[in-house]
């Protein structure tokens, strides 16, 4: 029987983590064995690990003394896996009965052997289908976002917001909130690139999987609840900082040096202006402060960031 390991990275997720784990208990496990569930805690301070051992799961908890970032923690949780499949699951998700059995059964079909990554349909707190898939971003798509053009013309975005997500299809990338991967593929790629602290590490993984001939697939026959935002809702300035930082790193990794440097210039000089203008137009003055704080962090990190970016091969 095929084995599944689940890896959950936790950082101050509170009761969401417990709800996520309890939902795993209730899932249908026909056709596979749940080998273990690994919770990697990145130095949480909210007591979110309390009482988890009482949940009826083959649970392993790894406690980090510092926040190692999402990519590194995922790799840490998957390090000793001997399962056939790895599921990277956000703590702000709640699984339904078929959330595990259906995607694994799908991947087990002989005709799907070249599908390396599967995501399922995610439902938000308003019971709507979240639009979670993405294209591999181009320089033009990043620049469109910087100027806010993607708000007027969704097809200019690398996020597939114009598609209703009501049908199965091959995609470039499925969201990392529910990221089911063949373990052998994960090992071939040496896991997530830990130079991404958080954000875009999953998209970079999907890109590298595609280069090896493995596809990503969006499956609608299985669903799960995903709140979105998670614990980062409490630190929106830090979240924006890491999002912008990962974009710059991605640019240096996937584009030529001139394009990556142009992207960096637009991100540093133009985007703070467009973000502040849009925030003022909608009266979101708190967002202005968050943007200024994020850019203060980004500017202080730029020398190290560009040096790290130029080391990408």
C-alpha atoms as a PDB file:
ATOM      1  CA  UNK A   1       0.000   0.000   0.000  1.00  0.00           C
ATOM      2  CA  UNK A   2       1.246   3.490  -0.833  1.00  0.00           C
ATOM      3  CA  UNK A   3       2.394   5.709   2.003  1.00  0.00           C
ATOM      4  CA  UNK A   4       1.762   9.403   2.608  1.00  0.00           C
ATOM      5  CA  UNK A   5       3.681  11.797   4.829  1.00  0.00           C
ATOM      6  CA  UNK A   6       2.166  15.199   5.625  1.00  0.00           C
ATOM      7  CA  UNK A   7       4.380  18.180   6.491  1.00  0.00           C
ATOM      8  CA  UNK A   8       2.882  21.247   8.182  1.00  0.00           C
ATOM      9  CA  UNK A   9       4.970  24.316   8.958  1.00  0.00           C
ATOM     10  CA  UNK A  10       3.615  26.238  11.912  1.00  0.00           C
ATOM     11  CA  UNK A  11       4.292  29.780  13.024  1.00  0.00           C
ATOM     12  CA  UNK A  12       1.839  31.170  15.577  1.00  0.00           C
ATOM     13  CA  UNK A  13      -1.159  29.559  13.880  1.00  0.00           C
ATOM     14  CA  UNK A  14      -3.115  29.199  17.115  1.00  0.00           C
ATOM     15  CA  UNK A  15      -6.216  27.038  17.015  1.00  0.00           C
ATOM     16  CA  UNK A  16      -5.983  26.742  13.226  1.00  0.00           C
ATOM     17  CA  UNK A  17      -3.231  24.144  13.555  1.00  0.00           C
ATOM     18  CA  UNK A  18      -5.296  21.973  15.884  1.00  0.00           C
ATOM     19  CA  UNK A  19      -8.337  22.207  13.594  1.00  0.00           C
ATOM     20  CA  UNK A  20      -6.175  21.226  10.630  1.00  0.00           C
ATOM     21  CA  UNK A  21      -4.792  18.171  12.412  1.00  0.00           C
ATOM     22  CA  UNK A  22      -8.213  17.105  13.656  1.00  0.00           C
ATOM     23  CA  UNK A  23      -9.530  17.287  10.089  1.00  0.00           C
ATOM     24  CA  UNK A  24      -6.770  14.914   8.943  1.00  0.00           C
ATOM     25  CA  UNK A  25      -8.040  12.331  11.432  1.00  0.00           C
ATOM     26  CA  UNK A  26     -11.481  12.378   9.790  1.00  0.00           C
ATOM     27  CA  UNK A  27     -10.318  11.945   6.196  1.00  0.00           C
ATOM     28  CA  UNK A  28     -10.906   8.799   4.164  1.00  0.00           C
ATOM     29  CA  UNK A  29      -7.643   6.873   3.940  1.00  0.00           C
ATOM     30  CA  UNK A  30      -8.744   4.266   1.424  1.00  0.00           C
ATOM     31  CA  UNK A  31      -5.912   3.248  -0.886  1.00  0.00           C
ATOM     32  CA  UNK A  32      -3.013   4.603   1.162  1.00  0.00           C
ATOM     33  CA  UNK A  33      -1.407   4.553   4.595  1.00  0.00           C
ATOM     34  CA  UNK A  34      -0.885   7.757   6.517  1.00  0.00           C
ATOM     35  CA  UNK A  35       2.716   7.134   7.511  1.00  0.00           C
ATOM     36  CA  UNK A  36       3.287  10.233   9.620  1.00  0.00           C
ATOM     37  CA  UNK A  37       2.315  13.851  10.101  1.00  0.00           C
ATOM     38  CA  UNK A  38       5.259  16.152  10.794  1.00  0.00           C
ATOM     39  CA  UNK A  39       4.651  19.566  12.340  1.00  0.00           C
ATOM     40  CA  UNK A  40       7.691  21.821  12.055  1.00  0.00           C
ATOM     41  CA  UNK A  41       7.310  24.745  14.417  1.00  0.00           C
ATOM     42  CA  UNK A  42       9.283  27.870  13.544  1.00  0.00           C
ATOM     43  CA  UNK A  43       9.732  29.270  17.054  1.00  0.00           C
ATOM     44  CA  UNK A  44       6.074  30.039  17.732  1.00  0.00           C
ATOM     45  CA  UNK A  45       5.252  32.103  20.799  1.00  0.00           C
ATOM     46  CA  UNK A  46       1.488  31.539  20.926  1.00  0.00           C
ATOM     47  CA  UNK A  47       1.333  28.111  22.588  1.00  0.00           C
ATOM     48  CA  UNK A  48      -0.106  26.618  19.384  1.00  0.00           C
ATOM     49  CA  UNK A  49       1.632  23.284  20.012  1.00  0.00           C
ATOM     50  CA  UNK A  50      -0.128  22.682  23.319  1.00  0.00           C
ATOM     51  CA  UNK A  51      -2.187  19.492  23.464  1.00  0.00           C
ATOM     52  CA  UNK A  52      -1.402  18.288  19.932  1.00  0.00           C
ATOM     53  CA  UNK A  53      -0.069  14.940  21.172  1.00  0.00           C
ATOM     54  CA  UNK A  54      -3.611  14.028  22.210  1.00  0.00           C
ATOM     55  CA  UNK A  55      -4.795  14.002  18.585  1.00  0.00           C
ATOM     56  CA  UNK A  56      -5.049  10.495  17.114  1.00  0.00           C
ATOM     57  CA  UNK A  57      -2.353  10.818  14.464  1.00  0.00           C
ATOM     58  CA  UNK A  58       1.145   9.401  13.875  1.00  0.00           C
ATOM     59  CA  UNK A  59       2.429  12.824  14.861  1.00  0.00           C
ATOM     60  CA  UNK A  60       5.996  14.078  15.035  1.00  0.00           C
ATOM     61  CA  UNK A  61       6.741  17.606  16.237  1.00  0.00           C
ATOM     62  CA  UNK A  62       9.988  19.400  15.401  1.00  0.00           C
ATOM     63  CA  UNK A  63      10.623  22.534  17.439  1.00  0.00           C
ATOM     64  CA  UNK A  64      12.963  25.108  15.929  1.00  0.00           C
ATOM     65  CA  UNK A  65      14.553  27.654  18.250  1.00  0.00           C
ATOM     66  CA  UNK A  66      14.431  30.293  15.490  1.00  0.00           C
ATOM     67  CA  UNK A  67      12.176  30.952  12.504  1.00  0.00           C
ATOM     68  CA  UNK A  68      14.008  29.131   9.716  1.00  0.00           C
ATOM     69  CA  UNK A  69      11.534  30.158   7.043  1.00  0.00           C
ATOM     70  CA  UNK A  70       8.943  28.129   5.168  1.00  0.00           C
ATOM     71  CA  UNK A  71      11.179  26.491   2.543  1.00  0.00           C
ATOM     72  CA  UNK A  72      13.801  25.328   5.049  1.00  0.00           C
ATOM     73  CA  UNK A  73      11.168  24.049   7.474  1.00  0.00           C
ATOM     74  CA  UNK A  74       9.418  22.083   4.714  1.00  0.00           C
ATOM     75  CA  UNK A  75      12.708  20.443   3.780  1.00  0.00           C
ATOM     76  CA  UNK A  76      13.362  19.730   7.432  1.00  0.00           C
ATOM     77  CA  UNK A  77       9.993  18.008   7.815  1.00  0.00           C
ATOM     78  CA  UNK A  78      10.467  15.922   4.673  1.00  0.00           C
ATOM     79  CA  UNK A  79      14.082  14.985   5.370  1.00  0.00           C
ATOM     80  CA  UNK A  80      13.549  11.461   6.687  1.00  0.00           C
ATOM     81  CA  UNK A  81      10.477  10.582   4.667  1.00  0.00           C
ATOM     82  CA  UNK A  82      10.273   7.115   3.128  1.00  0.00           C
ATOM     83  CA  UNK A  83       6.714   7.593   1.875  1.00  0.00           C
ATOM     84  CA  UNK A  84       5.589   7.507  -1.744  1.00  0.00           C
ATOM     85  CA  UNK A  85       3.938  10.919  -1.473  1.00  0.00           C
ATOM     86  CA  UNK A  86       4.572  14.123   0.434  1.00  0.00           C
ATOM     87  CA  UNK A  87       1.795  16.592   1.171  1.00  0.00           C
ATOM     88  CA  UNK A  88       2.817  20.091   2.203  1.00  0.00           C
ATOM     89  CA  UNK A  89      -0.201  21.488   3.988  1.00  0.00           C
ATOM     90  CA  UNK A  90      -0.828  24.921   5.487  1.00  0.00           C
ATOM     91  CA  UNK A  91      -2.107  25.017   9.076  1.00  0.00           C
ATOM     92  CA  UNK A  92      -4.958  27.336   8.015  1.00  0.00           C
ATOM     93  CA  UNK A  93      -6.557  24.523   5.993  1.00  0.00           C
ATOM     94  CA  UNK A  94      -9.271  22.078   6.984  1.00  0.00           C
ATOM     95  CA  UNK A  95      -9.501  18.849   5.018  1.00  0.00           C
ATOM     96  CA  UNK A  96     -12.746  17.189   3.942  1.00  0.00           C
ATOM     97  CA  UNK A  97     -13.467  13.461   3.676  1.00  0.00           C
ATOM     98  CA  UNK A  98     -11.978  12.946   0.189  1.00  0.00           C
ATOM     99  CA  UNK A  99      -9.212  15.560   0.376  1.00  0.00           C
ATOM    100  CA  UNK A 100      -6.484  12.919   0.537  1.00  0.00           C
ATOM    101  CA  UNK A 101      -7.861   9.741  -1.015  1.00  0.00           C
ATOM    102  CA  UNK A 102      -8.974  11.253  -4.325  1.00  0.00           C
ATOM    103  CA  UNK A 103      -5.756  13.075  -5.305  1.00  0.00           C
ATOM    104  CA  UNK A 104      -3.633  10.071  -4.334  1.00  0.00           C
ATOM    105  CA  UNK A 105      -5.877   7.727  -6.348  1.00  0.00           C
ATOM    106  CA  UNK A 106      -5.550  10.152  -9.263  1.00  0.00           C
ATOM    107  CA  UNK A 107      -1.761  10.135  -9.090  1.00  0.00           C
ATOM    108  CA  UNK A 108      -1.710   6.334  -8.862  1.00  0.00           C
ATOM    109  CA  UNK A 109      -3.250   5.954 -12.317  1.00  0.00           C
ATOM    110  CA  UNK A 110      -0.675   4.734 -14.839  1.00  0.00           C
ATOM    111  CA  UNK A 111      -1.551   7.461 -17.324  1.00  0.00           C
ATOM    112  CA  UNK A 112      -0.684  10.108 -14.711  1.00  0.00           C
ATOM    113  CA  UNK A 113       2.845   8.928 -13.939  1.00  0.00           C
ATOM    114  CA  UNK A 114       4.328  12.149 -15.350  1.00  0.00           C
ATOM    115  CA  UNK A 115       2.182  14.318 -13.103  1.00  0.00           C
ATOM    116  CA  UNK A 116       4.481  15.219 -10.237  1.00  0.00           C
ATOM    117  CA  UNK A 117       2.392  17.744  -8.326  1.00  0.00           C
ATOM    118  CA  UNK A 118      -1.341  17.882  -7.602  1.00  0.00           C
ATOM    119  CA  UNK A 119      -3.445  20.579  -5.983  1.00  0.00           C
ATOM    120  CA  UNK A 120      -7.132  20.438  -5.147  1.00  0.00           C
ATOM    121  CA  UNK A 121     -10.014  22.899  -5.169  1.00  0.00           C
ATOM    122  CA  UNK A 122      -9.831  25.228  -2.179  1.00  0.00           C
ATOM    123  CA  UNK A 123     -12.871  26.876  -0.626  1.00  0.00           C
ATOM    124  CA  UNK A 124     -12.619  30.160   1.273  1.00  0.00           C
ATOM    125  CA  UNK A 125     -14.497  31.317   4.365  1.00  0.00           C
ATOM    126  CA  UNK A 126     -17.320  32.670   2.166  1.00  0.00           C
ATOM    127  CA  UNK A 127     -17.770  29.178   0.670  1.00  0.00           C
ATOM    128  CA  UNK A 128     -16.441  30.416  -2.660  1.00  0.00           C
ATOM    129  CA  UNK A 129     -13.897  28.670  -4.865  1.00  0.00           C
ATOM    130  CA  UNK A 130     -10.536  30.358  -4.417  1.00  0.00           C
ATOM    131  CA  UNK A 131      -8.572  31.089  -7.578  1.00  0.00           C
ATOM    132  CA  UNK A 132      -5.259  29.650  -6.575  1.00  0.00           C
ATOM    133  CA  UNK A 133      -3.367  28.469  -9.671  1.00  0.00           C
ATOM    134  CA  UNK A 134      -0.660  30.423 -11.433  1.00  0.00           C
ATOM    135  CA  UNK A 135       1.408  30.671 -14.577  1.00  0.00           C
ATOM    136  CA  UNK A 136       5.169  30.776 -14.497  1.00  0.00           C
ATOM    137  CA  UNK A 137       5.693  34.543 -14.226  1.00  0.00           C
ATOM    138  CA  UNK A 138       7.367  36.576 -16.918  1.00  0.00           C
ATOM    139  CA  UNK A 139       9.115  39.907 -16.466  1.00  0.00           C
ATOM    140  CA  UNK A 140       6.153  41.606 -18.148  1.00  0.00           C
ATOM    141  CA  UNK A 141       3.689  40.067 -15.695  1.00  0.00           C
ATOM    142  CA  UNK A 142       5.728  41.192 -12.706  1.00  0.00           C
ATOM    143  CA  UNK A 143       5.980  44.709 -14.131  1.00  0.00           C
ATOM    144  CA  UNK A 144       2.217  44.749 -14.803  1.00  0.00           C
ATOM    145  CA  UNK A 145       1.669  44.004 -11.119  1.00  0.00           C
ATOM    146  CA  UNK A 146       4.082  46.744 -10.095  1.00  0.00           C
ATOM    147  CA  UNK A 147       2.108  49.327 -12.107  1.00  0.00           C
ATOM    148  CA  UNK A 148      -1.224  47.900 -10.936  1.00  0.00           C
ATOM    149  CA  UNK A 149      -2.265  46.990 -14.489  1.00  0.00           C
ATOM    150  CA  UNK A 150      -3.220  43.472 -13.405  1.00  0.00           C
ATOM    151  CA  UNK A 151      -6.046  44.998 -11.356  1.00  0.00           C
ATOM    152  CA  UNK A 152      -7.615  46.315 -14.560  1.00  0.00           C
ATOM    153  CA  UNK A 153      -6.596  43.437 -16.841  1.00  0.00           C
ATOM    154  CA  UNK A 154      -6.425  40.150 -14.874  1.00  0.00           C
ATOM    155  CA  UNK A 155      -4.910  38.266 -17.813  1.00  0.00           C
ATOM    156  CA  UNK A 156      -1.760  40.369 -17.403  1.00  0.00           C
ATOM    157  CA  UNK A 157      -1.169  38.706 -14.040  1.00  0.00           C
ATOM    158  CA  UNK A 158       0.629  35.436 -13.556  1.00  0.00           C
ATOM    159  CA  UNK A 159      -2.172  34.491 -11.159  1.00  0.00           C
ATOM    160  CA  UNK A 160      -4.977  32.783 -13.076  1.00  0.00           C
ATOM    161  CA  UNK A 161      -7.659  35.055 -11.616  1.00  0.00           C
ATOM    162  CA  UNK A 162      -9.658  35.161 -14.868  1.00  0.00           C
ATOM    163  CA  UNK A 163     -10.340  31.399 -14.702  1.00  0.00           C
ATOM    164  CA  UNK A 164     -13.168  30.200 -12.430  1.00  0.00           C
ATOM    165  CA  UNK A 165     -11.268  27.095 -11.200  1.00  0.00           C
ATOM    166  CA  UNK A 166     -14.322  24.887 -11.689  1.00  0.00           C
ATOM    167  CA  UNK A 167     -12.681  22.350 -13.994  1.00  0.00           C
ATOM    168  CA  UNK A 168      -9.702  20.008 -13.935  1.00  0.00           C
ATOM    169  CA  UNK A 169      -6.685  21.035 -15.959  1.00  0.00           C
ATOM    170  CA  UNK A 170      -2.923  21.031 -16.284  1.00  0.00           C
ATOM    171  CA  UNK A 171      -1.449  24.243 -14.895  1.00  0.00           C
ATOM    172  CA  UNK A 172       2.014  25.660 -14.385  1.00  0.00           C
ATOM    173  CA  UNK A 173       1.588  25.865 -10.638  1.00  0.00           C
ATOM    174  CA  UNK A 174      -0.829  24.973  -7.826  1.00  0.00           C
ATOM    175  CA  UNK A 175      -0.788  26.882  -4.558  1.00  0.00           C
ATOM    176  CA  UNK A 176       1.506  25.598  -1.828  1.00  0.00           C
ATOM    177  CA  UNK A 177      -1.318  25.506   0.747  1.00  0.00           C
ATOM    178  CA  UNK A 178      -2.112  21.970  -0.498  1.00  0.00           C
ATOM    179  CA  UNK A 179       0.899  20.723  -2.445  1.00  0.00           C
ATOM    180  CA  UNK A 180       0.935  16.972  -3.078  1.00  0.00           C
ATOM    181  CA  UNK A 181       4.256  15.788  -4.511  1.00  0.00           C
ATOM    182  CA  UNK A 182       5.809  12.482  -5.448  1.00  0.00           C
ATOM    183  CA  UNK A 183       8.615  11.995  -2.934  1.00  0.00           C
ATOM    184  CA  UNK A 184      11.051  10.770  -5.564  1.00  0.00           C
ATOM    185  CA  UNK A 185      10.535  14.024  -7.468  1.00  0.00           C
ATOM    186  CA  UNK A 186      11.072  16.010  -4.276  1.00  0.00           C
ATOM    187  CA  UNK A 187      14.370  14.241  -3.742  1.00  0.00           C
ATOM    188  CA  UNK A 188      15.444  14.714  -7.369  1.00  0.00           C
ATOM    189  CA  UNK A 189      14.971  18.461  -6.936  1.00  0.00           C
ATOM    190  CA  UNK A 190      16.635  18.529  -3.502  1.00  0.00           C
ATOM    191  CA  UNK A 191      13.458  19.961  -2.048  1.00  0.00           C
ATOM    192  CA  UNK A 192      12.566  23.633  -1.915  1.00  0.00           C
ATOM    193  CA  UNK A 193      15.229  26.257  -2.535  1.00  0.00           C
ATOM    194  CA  UNK A 194      15.946  27.592   0.948  1.00  0.00           C
ATOM    195  CA  UNK A 195      17.199  30.913  -0.399  1.00  0.00           C
ATOM    196  CA  UNK A 196      13.492  31.809  -0.543  1.00  0.00           C
ATOM    197  CA  UNK A 197      12.575  32.431   3.094  1.00  0.00           C
ATOM    198  CA  UNK A 198       8.890  32.341   2.230  1.00  0.00           C
ATOM    199  CA  UNK A 199       6.831  32.955  -0.960  1.00  0.00           C
ATOM    200  CA  UNK A 200       7.627  31.723  -4.485  1.00  0.00           C
ATOM    201  CA  UNK A 201       9.622  28.734  -3.209  1.00  0.00           C
ATOM    202  CA  UNK A 202       6.709  26.499  -4.272  1.00  0.00           C
ATOM    203  CA  UNK A 203       6.430  28.167  -7.691  1.00  0.00           C
ATOM    204  CA  UNK A 204      10.168  27.770  -8.188  1.00  0.00           C
ATOM    205  CA  UNK A 205       9.770  24.083  -7.282  1.00  0.00           C
ATOM    206  CA  UNK A 206       7.006  23.680  -9.875  1.00  0.00           C
ATOM    207  CA  UNK A 207       9.217  25.317 -12.493  1.00  0.00           C
ATOM    208  CA  UNK A 208      12.111  22.972 -11.763  1.00  0.00           C
ATOM    209  CA  UNK A 209       9.745  19.976 -11.821  1.00  0.00           C
ATOM    210  CA  UNK A 210       8.528  21.061 -15.263  1.00  0.00           C
ATOM    211  CA  UNK A 211      12.117  21.193 -16.464  1.00  0.00           C
ATOM    212  CA  UNK A 212      12.446  17.521 -15.486  1.00  0.00           C
ATOM    213  CA  UNK A 213       9.315  16.624 -17.453  1.00  0.00           C
ATOM    214  CA  UNK A 214       6.816  16.534 -14.560  1.00  0.00           C
ATOM    215  CA  UNK A 215       3.517  18.402 -14.782  1.00  0.00           C
ATOM    216  CA  UNK A 216       1.316  20.079 -12.188  1.00  0.00           C
ATOM    217  CA  UNK A 217      -2.403  19.313 -12.141  1.00  0.00           C
ATOM    218  CA  UNK A 218      -5.423  21.031 -10.578  1.00  0.00           C
ATOM    219  CA  UNK A 219      -8.054  18.514  -9.416  1.00  0.00           C
ATOM    220  CA  UNK A 220     -11.621  19.581  -8.598  1.00  0.00           C
ATOM    221  CA  UNK A 221     -13.021  16.226  -7.437  1.00  0.00           C
ATOM    222  CA  UNK A 222     -11.438  16.867  -4.034  1.00  0.00           C
ATOM    223  CA  UNK A 223     -11.783  20.008  -1.949  1.00  0.00           C
ATOM    224  CA  UNK A 224     -10.484  21.568   1.265  1.00  0.00           C
ATOM    225  CA  UNK A 225     -11.115  24.755   3.201  1.00  0.00           C
ATOM    226  CA  UNK A 226      -8.339  27.342   3.124  1.00  0.00           C
ATOM    227  CA  UNK A 227      -8.573  30.544   5.128  1.00  0.00           C
ATOM    228  CA  UNK A 228      -5.612  32.256   3.437  1.00  0.00           C
ATOM    229  CA  UNK A 229      -3.275  34.753   5.010  1.00  0.00           C
ATOM    230  CA  UNK A 230      -2.884  32.647   8.140  1.00  0.00           C
ATOM    231  CA  UNK A 231      -0.678  33.984  10.899  1.00  0.00           C
ATOM    232  CA  UNK A 232       0.950  36.474   8.511  1.00  0.00           C
ATOM    233  CA  UNK A 233      -2.260  38.533   8.657  1.00  0.00           C
ATOM    234  CA  UNK A 234      -0.917  39.887  11.945  1.00  0.00           C
ATOM    235  CA  UNK A 235       2.319  41.163  10.363  1.00  0.00           C
ATOM    236  CA  UNK A 236       1.319  42.469   6.951  1.00  0.00           C
ATOM    237  CA  UNK A 237       4.390  44.693   6.620  1.00  0.00           C
ATOM    238  CA  UNK A 238       6.716  41.731   7.173  1.00  0.00           C
ATOM    239  CA  UNK A 239       4.619  39.621   4.793  1.00  0.00           C
ATOM    240  CA  UNK A 240       4.946  42.272   2.079  1.00  0.00           C
ATOM    241  CA  UNK A 241       8.694  42.516   2.690  1.00  0.00           C
ATOM    242  CA  UNK A 242       9.212  38.789   2.184  1.00  0.00           C
ATOM    243  CA  UNK A 243       6.923  38.753  -0.857  1.00  0.00           C
ATOM    244  CA  UNK A 244       8.917  41.528  -2.562  1.00  0.00           C
ATOM    245  CA  UNK A 245      12.207  39.989  -1.492  1.00  0.00           C
ATOM    246  CA  UNK A 246      11.279  36.612  -2.993  1.00  0.00           C
ATOM    247  CA  UNK A 247      10.217  38.276  -6.236  1.00  0.00           C
ATOM    248  CA  UNK A 248      13.631  39.882  -6.615  1.00  0.00           C
ATOM    249  CA  UNK A 249      15.346  36.571  -5.886  1.00  0.00           C
ATOM    250  CA  UNK A 250      13.101  34.789  -8.365  1.00  0.00           C
ATOM    251  CA  UNK A 251      14.006  37.381 -10.987  1.00  0.00           C
ATOM    252  CA  UNK A 252      17.722  36.781 -10.549  1.00  0.00           C
ATOM    253  CA  UNK A 253      17.184  33.031 -10.637  1.00  0.00           C
ATOM    254  CA  UNK A 254      14.890  32.832 -13.687  1.00  0.00           C
ATOM    255  CA  UNK A 255      15.668  35.920 -15.802  1.00  0.00           C
ATOM    256  CA  UNK A 256      18.881  37.264 -17.260  1.00  0.00           C
ATOM    257  CA  UNK A 257      20.834  39.755 -15.161  1.00  0.00           C
ATOM    258  CA  UNK A 258      19.620  42.858 -17.033  1.00  0.00           C
ATOM    259  CA  UNK A 259      15.953  41.828 -16.726  1.00  0.00           C
ATOM    260  CA  UNK A 260      16.374  40.915 -13.054  1.00  0.00           C
ATOM    261  CA  UNK A 261      18.029  44.245 -12.280  1.00  0.00           C
ATOM    262  CA  UNK A 262      15.257  46.117 -14.122  1.00  0.00           C
ATOM    263  CA  UNK A 263      12.701  44.188 -12.059  1.00  0.00           C
ATOM    264  CA  UNK A 264      14.598  45.099  -8.897  1.00  0.00           C
ATOM    265  CA  UNK A 265      14.626  48.788  -9.878  1.00  0.00           C
ATOM    266  CA  UNK A 266      10.875  48.791 -10.561  1.00  0.00           C
ATOM    267  CA  UNK A 267      10.179  46.964  -7.305  1.00  0.00           C
ATOM    268  CA  UNK A 268      12.280  49.371  -5.250  1.00  0.00           C
ATOM    269  CA  UNK A 269      11.494  52.702  -6.900  1.00  0.00           C
ATOM    270  CA  UNK A 270       8.154  52.502  -8.701  1.00  0.00           C
ATOM    271  CA  UNK A 271       6.098  50.010  -6.743  1.00  0.00           C
ATOM    272  CA  UNK A 272       6.101  51.815  -3.383  1.00  0.00           C
ATOM    273  CA  UNK A 273       4.606  54.836  -5.170  1.00  0.00           C
ATOM    274  CA  UNK A 274       1.884  52.830  -6.929  1.00  0.00           C
ATOM    275  CA  UNK A 275       1.051  50.946  -3.727  1.00  0.00           C
ATOM    276  CA  UNK A 276       0.722  54.151  -1.729  1.00  0.00           C
ATOM    277  CA  UNK A 277      -1.387  55.823  -4.445  1.00  0.00           C
ATOM    278  CA  UNK A 278      -3.801  52.875  -4.603  1.00  0.00           C
ATOM    279  CA  UNK A 279      -4.007  52.736  -0.811  1.00  0.00           C
ATOM    280  CA  UNK A 280      -4.792  56.459  -0.537  1.00  0.00           C
ATOM    281  CA  UNK A 281      -7.411  56.205  -3.298  1.00  0.00           C
ATOM    282  CA  UNK A 282      -9.320  53.600  -1.309  1.00  0.00           C
ATOM    283  CA  UNK A 283      -8.734  55.323   2.036  1.00  0.00           C
ATOM    284  CA  UNK A 284      -6.582  52.506   3.414  1.00  0.00           C
ATOM    285  CA  UNK A 285      -4.115  54.644   5.335  1.00  0.00           C
ATOM    286  CA  UNK A 286      -3.002  51.744   7.514  1.00  0.00           C
ATOM    287  CA  UNK A 287      -1.872  50.077   4.292  1.00  0.00           C
ATOM    288  CA  UNK A 288       0.304  53.126   3.556  1.00  0.00           C
ATOM    289  CA  UNK A 289       2.099  52.675   6.877  1.00  0.00           C
ATOM    290  CA  UNK A 290       2.499  48.933   6.257  1.00  0.00           C
ATOM    291  CA  UNK A 291       3.972  49.638   2.822  1.00  0.00           C
ATOM    292  CA  UNK A 292       6.480  52.121   4.236  1.00  0.00           C
ATOM    293  CA  UNK A 293       7.532  49.658   6.935  1.00  0.00           C
ATOM    294  CA  UNK A 294       7.931  46.848   4.387  1.00  0.00           C
ATOM    295  CA  UNK A 295      10.093  49.003   2.146  1.00  0.00           C
ATOM    296  CA  UNK A 296      12.241  50.090   5.044  1.00  0.00           C
ATOM    297  CA  UNK A 297      12.996  46.395   5.654  1.00  0.00           C
ATOM    298  CA  UNK A 298      13.555  45.781   1.961  1.00  0.00           C
ATOM    299  CA  UNK A 299      15.937  48.673   1.437  1.00  0.00           C
ATOM    300  CA  UNK A 300      18.022  47.637   4.432  1.00  0.00           C
ATOM    301  CA  UNK A 301      18.261  44.125   2.966  1.00  0.00           C
ATOM    302  CA  UNK A 302      19.123  45.157  -0.606  1.00  0.00           C
ATOM    303  CA  UNK A 303      22.944  44.776  -0.557  1.00  0.00           C
ATOM    304  CA  UNK A 304      22.721  41.240   0.781  1.00  0.00           C
ATOM    305  CA  UNK A 305      19.721  40.438  -1.410  1.00  0.00           C
ATOM    306  CA  UNK A 306      21.365  41.446  -4.689  1.00  0.00           C
ATOM    307  CA  UNK A 307      24.537  39.597  -3.734  1.00  0.00           C
ATOM    308  CA  UNK A 308      22.492  36.490  -3.017  1.00  0.00           C
ATOM    309  CA  UNK A 309      20.510  36.936  -6.226  1.00  0.00           C
ATOM    310  CA  UNK A 310      23.617  37.147  -8.384  1.00  0.00           C
ATOM    311  CA  UNK A 311      24.840  33.842  -6.972  1.00  0.00           C
ATOM    312  CA  UNK A 312      21.923  31.975  -8.546  1.00  0.00           C
ATOM    313  CA  UNK A 313      23.044  29.615 -11.243  1.00  0.00           C
END
